[in-house]
C-alpha atoms as a PDB file:
ATOM      1  CA  MET A   1     -19.901 121.208 -57.344  1.00  0.00           C
ATOM      2  CA  PRO A   2     -19.682 117.409 -57.424  1.00  0.00           C
ATOM      3  CA  LEU A   3     -20.588 115.658 -54.163  1.00  0.00           C
ATOM      4  CA  GLN A   4     -17.142 114.064 -53.850  1.00  0.00           C
ATOM      5  CA  THR A   5     -15.429 117.452 -54.197  1.00  0.00           C
ATOM      6  CA  PHE A   6     -17.763 118.905 -51.564  1.00  0.00           C
ATOM      7  CA  ARG A   7     -17.033 116.016 -49.197  1.00  0.00           C
ATOM      8  CA  TYR A   8     -13.306 116.443 -49.789  1.00  0.00           C
ATOM      9  CA  ALA A   9     -13.534 120.148 -49.068  1.00  0.00           C
ATOM     10  CA  VAL A  10     -15.475 119.653 -45.835  1.00  0.00           C
ATOM     11  CA  SER A  11     -13.424 116.673 -44.629  1.00  0.00           C
ATOM     12  CA  GLY A  12     -10.169 118.287 -45.675  1.00  0.00           C
ATOM     13  CA  ALA A  13     -11.125 121.550 -43.997  1.00  0.00           C
ATOM     14  CA  ALA A  14     -12.037 119.732 -40.785  1.00  0.00           C
ATOM     15  CA  ASN A  15      -8.772 117.793 -40.813  1.00  0.00           C
ATOM     16  CA  THR A  16      -6.792 120.920 -41.693  1.00  0.00           C
ATOM     17  CA  VAL A  17      -8.357 122.892 -38.847  1.00  0.00           C
ATOM     18  CA  PHE A  18      -7.664 119.949 -36.553  1.00  0.00           C
ATOM     19  CA  GLY A  19      -4.020 119.850 -37.719  1.00  0.00           C
ATOM     20  CA  LEU A  20      -3.598 123.605 -37.299  1.00  0.00           C
ATOM     21  CA  LEU A  21      -5.134 123.406 -33.836  1.00  0.00           C
ATOM     22  CA  VAL A  22      -2.763 120.602 -32.844  1.00  0.00           C
ATOM     23  CA  PHE A  23       0.154 122.617 -34.310  1.00  0.00           C
ATOM     24  CA  TYR A  24      -0.873 125.679 -32.293  1.00  0.00           C
ATOM     25  CA  ILE A  25      -1.301 123.724 -29.058  1.00  0.00           C
ATOM     26  CA  ALA A  26       1.991 121.893 -29.540  1.00  0.00           C
ATOM     27  CA  TYR A  27       3.889 125.064 -30.426  1.00  0.00           C
ATOM     28  CA  HIS A  28       2.488 127.309 -27.689  1.00  0.00           C
ATOM     29  CA  PHE A  29       1.544 124.975 -24.840  1.00  0.00           C
ATOM     30  CA  ILE A  30       3.504 121.729 -25.151  1.00  0.00           C
ATOM     31  CA  LEU A  31       6.790 123.273 -26.284  1.00  0.00           C
ATOM     32  CA  GLY A  32       6.197 126.826 -25.091  1.00  0.00           C
ATOM     33  CA  ALA A  33       7.726 128.083 -28.372  1.00  0.00           C
ATOM     34  CA  GLU A  34      11.066 126.725 -27.136  1.00  0.00           C
ATOM     35  CA  ASP A  35      13.319 124.460 -29.183  1.00  0.00           C
ATOM     36  CA  LEU A  36      13.478 120.806 -28.165  1.00  0.00           C
ATOM     37  CA  ASN A  37      17.053 120.013 -27.190  1.00  0.00           C
ATOM     38  CA  LEU A  38      17.772 116.285 -27.134  1.00  0.00           C
ATOM     39  CA  GLY A  39      21.425 116.776 -26.233  1.00  0.00           C
ATOM     40  CA  PHE A  40      22.764 115.583 -29.568  1.00  0.00           C
ATOM     41  CA  TYR A  41      20.479 117.836 -31.630  1.00  0.00           C
ATOM     42  CA  ALA A  42      18.112 120.720 -31.004  1.00  0.00           C
ATOM     43  CA  PHE A  43      14.902 120.666 -33.027  1.00  0.00           C
ATOM     44  CA  GLU A  44      13.157 123.952 -33.771  1.00  0.00           C
ATOM     45  CA  SER A  45       9.862 124.180 -31.914  1.00  0.00           C
ATOM     46  CA  TYR A  46       7.898 124.679 -35.107  1.00  0.00           C
ATOM     47  CA  THR A  47       9.448 121.530 -36.608  1.00  0.00           C
ATOM     48  CA  VAL A  48       8.440 119.428 -33.607  1.00  0.00           C
ATOM     49  CA  SER A  49       4.979 120.994 -33.698  1.00  0.00           C
ATOM     50  CA  LEU A  50       4.693 120.031 -37.356  1.00  0.00           C
ATOM     51  CA  ILE A  51       5.594 116.394 -36.586  1.00  0.00           C
ATOM     52  CA  ILE A  52       3.071 116.222 -33.739  1.00  0.00           C
ATOM     53  CA  SER A  53       0.405 117.800 -35.938  1.00  0.00           C
ATOM     54  CA  PHE A  54       1.177 115.442 -38.829  1.00  0.00           C
ATOM     55  CA  THR A  55       0.882 112.367 -36.634  1.00  0.00           C
ATOM     56  CA  ALA A  56      -2.450 113.416 -35.155  1.00  0.00           C
ATOM     57  CA  ALA A  57      -3.993 114.496 -38.451  1.00  0.00           C
ATOM     58  CA  PHE A  58      -2.789 111.415 -40.370  1.00  0.00           C
ATOM     59  CA  PHE A  59      -5.222 108.994 -38.758  1.00  0.00           C
ATOM     60  CA  LEU A  60      -8.221 111.326 -38.786  1.00  0.00           C
ATOM     61  CA  GLY A  61      -7.492 112.252 -42.402  1.00  0.00           C
ATOM     62  CA  PHE A  62      -7.276 108.650 -43.600  1.00  0.00           C
ATOM     63  CA  PHE A  63     -10.548 107.763 -41.901  1.00  0.00           C
ATOM     64  CA  LEU A  64     -12.325 110.731 -43.484  1.00  0.00           C
ATOM     65  CA  MET A  65     -10.864 110.139 -46.932  1.00  0.00           C
ATOM     66  CA  LYS A  66     -11.587 106.393 -46.961  1.00  0.00           C
ATOM     67  CA  TYR A  67     -15.069 106.359 -45.461  1.00  0.00           C
ATOM     68  CA  VAL A  68     -16.497 109.784 -46.297  1.00  0.00           C
ATOM     69  CA  VAL A  69     -14.882 111.102 -49.467  1.00  0.00           C
ATOM     70  CA  PHE A  70     -13.558 108.247 -51.589  1.00  0.00           C
ATOM     71  CA  ASP A  71     -15.879 105.481 -50.401  1.00  0.00           C
ATOM     72  CA  ASP A  72     -16.301 104.254 -53.986  1.00  0.00           C
ATOM     73  CA  SER A  73     -12.672 103.209 -54.392  1.00  0.00           C
ATOM     74  CA  ARG A  74     -12.241  99.482 -54.973  1.00  0.00           C
ATOM     75  CA  ILE A  75      -8.596  99.425 -53.889  1.00  0.00           C
ATOM     76  CA  ARG A  76      -7.925  97.289 -50.810  1.00  0.00           C
ATOM     77  CA  GLY A  77      -7.768  99.170 -47.507  1.00  0.00           C
ATOM     78  CA  HIS A  78      -4.156  98.308 -46.659  1.00  0.00           C
ATOM     79  CA  VAL A  79      -3.056  99.497 -50.112  1.00  0.00           C
ATOM     80  CA  GLN A  80      -5.013 102.722 -49.609  1.00  0.00           C
ATOM     81  CA  MET A  81      -3.390 103.208 -46.202  1.00  0.00           C
ATOM     82  CA  PHE A  82       0.099 102.696 -47.649  1.00  0.00           C
ATOM     83  CA  ARG A  83      -0.581 105.061 -50.547  1.00  0.00           C
ATOM     84  CA  TYR A  84      -2.150 107.586 -48.187  1.00  0.00           C
ATOM     85  CA  PHE A  85       0.963 107.388 -46.027  1.00  0.00           C
ATOM     86  CA  LEU A  86       3.220 107.977 -49.052  1.00  0.00           C
ATOM     87  CA  VAL A  87       1.217 111.019 -50.135  1.00  0.00           C
ATOM     88  CA  CYS A  88       1.151 112.336 -46.564  1.00  0.00           C
ATOM     89  CA  LEU A  89       4.889 111.782 -46.212  1.00  0.00           C
ATOM     90  CA  PHE A  90       5.489 113.723 -49.424  1.00  0.00           C
ATOM     91  CA  ASN A  91       3.157 116.447 -48.141  1.00  0.00           C
ATOM     92  CA  LEU A  92       5.028 116.523 -44.830  1.00  0.00           C
ATOM     93  CA  VAL A  93       8.364 117.033 -46.585  1.00  0.00           C
ATOM     94  CA  LEU A  94       6.849 119.700 -48.821  1.00  0.00           C
ATOM     95  CA  ASN A  95       5.242 121.355 -45.800  1.00  0.00           C
ATOM     96  CA  TYR A  96       8.549 121.260 -43.902  1.00  0.00           C
ATOM     97  CA  VAL A  97      10.501 122.832 -46.761  1.00  0.00           C
ATOM     98  CA  LEU A  98       7.904 125.545 -47.346  1.00  0.00           C
ATOM     99  CA  LEU A  99       7.567 126.204 -43.608  1.00  0.00           C
ATOM    100  CA  LYS A 100      11.338 126.460 -43.145  1.00  0.00           C
ATOM    101  CA  LEU A 101      11.604 128.861 -46.100  1.00  0.00           C
ATOM    102  CA  ALA A 102       8.710 130.964 -44.852  1.00  0.00           C
ATOM    103  CA  VAL A 103      10.038 131.215 -41.298  1.00  0.00           C
ATOM    104  CA  GLU A 104      13.810 131.429 -41.860  1.00  0.00           C
ATOM    105  CA  VAL A 105      14.040 133.175 -45.230  1.00  0.00           C
ATOM    106  CA  LEU A 106      10.889 135.289 -45.357  1.00  0.00           C
ATOM    107  CA  GLY A 107      10.679 135.901 -41.595  1.00  0.00           C
ATOM    108  CA  ILE A 108       6.999 134.969 -41.312  1.00  0.00           C
ATOM    109  CA  TYR A 109       5.665 134.070 -37.852  1.00  0.00           C
ATOM    110  CA  PRO A 110       5.480 130.221 -37.615  1.00  0.00           C
ATOM    111  CA  THR A 111       1.710 129.896 -37.123  1.00  0.00           C
ATOM    112  CA  PHE A 112       0.980 132.171 -40.098  1.00  0.00           C
ATOM    113  CA  ALA A 113       3.671 130.447 -42.156  1.00  0.00           C
ATOM    114  CA  GLN A 114       2.033 127.087 -41.427  1.00  0.00           C
ATOM    115  CA  LEU A 115      -1.331 128.449 -42.503  1.00  0.00           C
ATOM    116  CA  ALA A 116       0.105 129.660 -45.820  1.00  0.00           C
ATOM    117  CA  THR A 117       1.968 126.439 -46.581  1.00  0.00           C
ATOM    118  CA  THR A 118      -1.172 124.467 -45.795  1.00  0.00           C
ATOM    119  CA  ILE A 119      -2.952 126.045 -48.764  1.00  0.00           C
ATOM    120  CA  VAL A 120      -0.293 124.800 -51.195  1.00  0.00           C
ATOM    121  CA  VAL A 121      -0.153 121.349 -49.624  1.00  0.00           C
ATOM    122  CA  VAL A 122      -3.962 120.940 -49.664  1.00  0.00           C
ATOM    123  CA  ILE A 123      -4.143 121.489 -53.420  1.00  0.00           C
ATOM    124  CA  ILE A 124      -1.378 118.982 -54.116  1.00  0.00           C
ATOM    125  CA  SER A 125      -2.863 116.523 -51.640  1.00  0.00           C
ATOM    126  CA  TYR A 126      -6.306 116.566 -53.264  1.00  0.00           C
ATOM    127  CA  LEU A 127      -4.879 115.764 -56.662  1.00  0.00           C
ATOM    128  CA  ALA A 128      -2.704 112.954 -55.302  1.00  0.00           C
ATOM    129  CA  GLN A 129      -5.475 111.408 -53.193  1.00  0.00           C
ATOM    130  CA  ARG A 130      -7.993 111.527 -56.017  1.00  0.00           C
ATOM    131  CA  HIS A 131      -5.727 110.201 -58.763  1.00  0.00           C
ATOM    132  CA  PHE A 132      -3.431 107.872 -56.787  1.00  0.00           C
ATOM    133  CA  THR A 133      -4.496 106.805 -53.305  1.00  0.00           C
ATOM    134  CA  PHE A 134      -8.244 106.388 -53.759  1.00  0.00           C
ATOM    135  CA  LYS A 135      -8.562 106.227 -57.529  1.00  0.00           C
ATOM    136  CA  LYS A 136     -11.349 104.101 -58.841  1.00  0.00           C
ATOM    137  CA  GLY A 137      -9.929 100.777 -59.881  1.00  0.00           C
ATOM    138  CA  THR A 138     -10.270 100.177 -63.574  1.00  0.00           C
ATOM    139  CA  LEU A 139     -11.926  96.931 -64.505  1.00  0.00           C
ATOM    140  CA  PRO A 140     -10.481  94.656 -67.171  1.00  0.00           C
ATOM    141  CA  ASP A 141     -12.234  94.799 -70.541  1.00  0.00           C
ATOM    142  CA  TYR A 142     -13.847  91.411 -70.031  1.00  0.00           C
ATOM    143  CA  VAL A 143     -15.653  92.377 -66.822  1.00  0.00           C
ATOM    144  CA  GLU A 144     -18.923  94.216 -67.195  1.00  0.00           C
ATOM    145  CA  GLU A 145     -19.859  97.139 -65.007  1.00  0.00           C
ATOM    146  CA  GLU A 146     -22.837  96.530 -62.708  1.00  0.00           C
ATOM    147  CA  ASN A 147     -24.905  99.183 -64.534  1.00  0.00           C
ATOM    148  CA  ASP A 148     -24.097  97.713 -67.959  1.00  0.00           C
ATOM    149  CA  ALA A 149     -25.239  94.232 -66.945  1.00  0.00           C
ATOM    150  CA  ALA A 150     -28.695  95.512 -65.988  1.00  0.00           C
ATOM    151  CA  THR A 151     -29.346  97.065 -69.400  1.00  0.00           C
END
């Protein structure tokens, strides 16, 4: 297994466990499995838990991806952060749709439904982060690689 893939697996697993833990705490202890009624709209408790979990895991995930996994990317940090946000936003929408289907259509308990949807989202996220957010910048033809210059 390549080192970068191993780092992604470990960092992603840590961030996923962190996100699931935040989801569980938000769902059971912050919201008490009760919907959040704002007067003009009532949000399902699992939806609010997902938003809280997403927000918490976003920052930890970016730090891990930038400094632990894809530390060889030459793309500027603010561009990486924006791209990471776009991928995470897409993942959030995908997670929401899959979670809603699992809970409301398939009748799966929300915590287990979140665990199942996480597997799908993790696979898509890895591919997007590797090939979009933190891809290695290609050098123009007229610039030599550092290794090539030494030979």
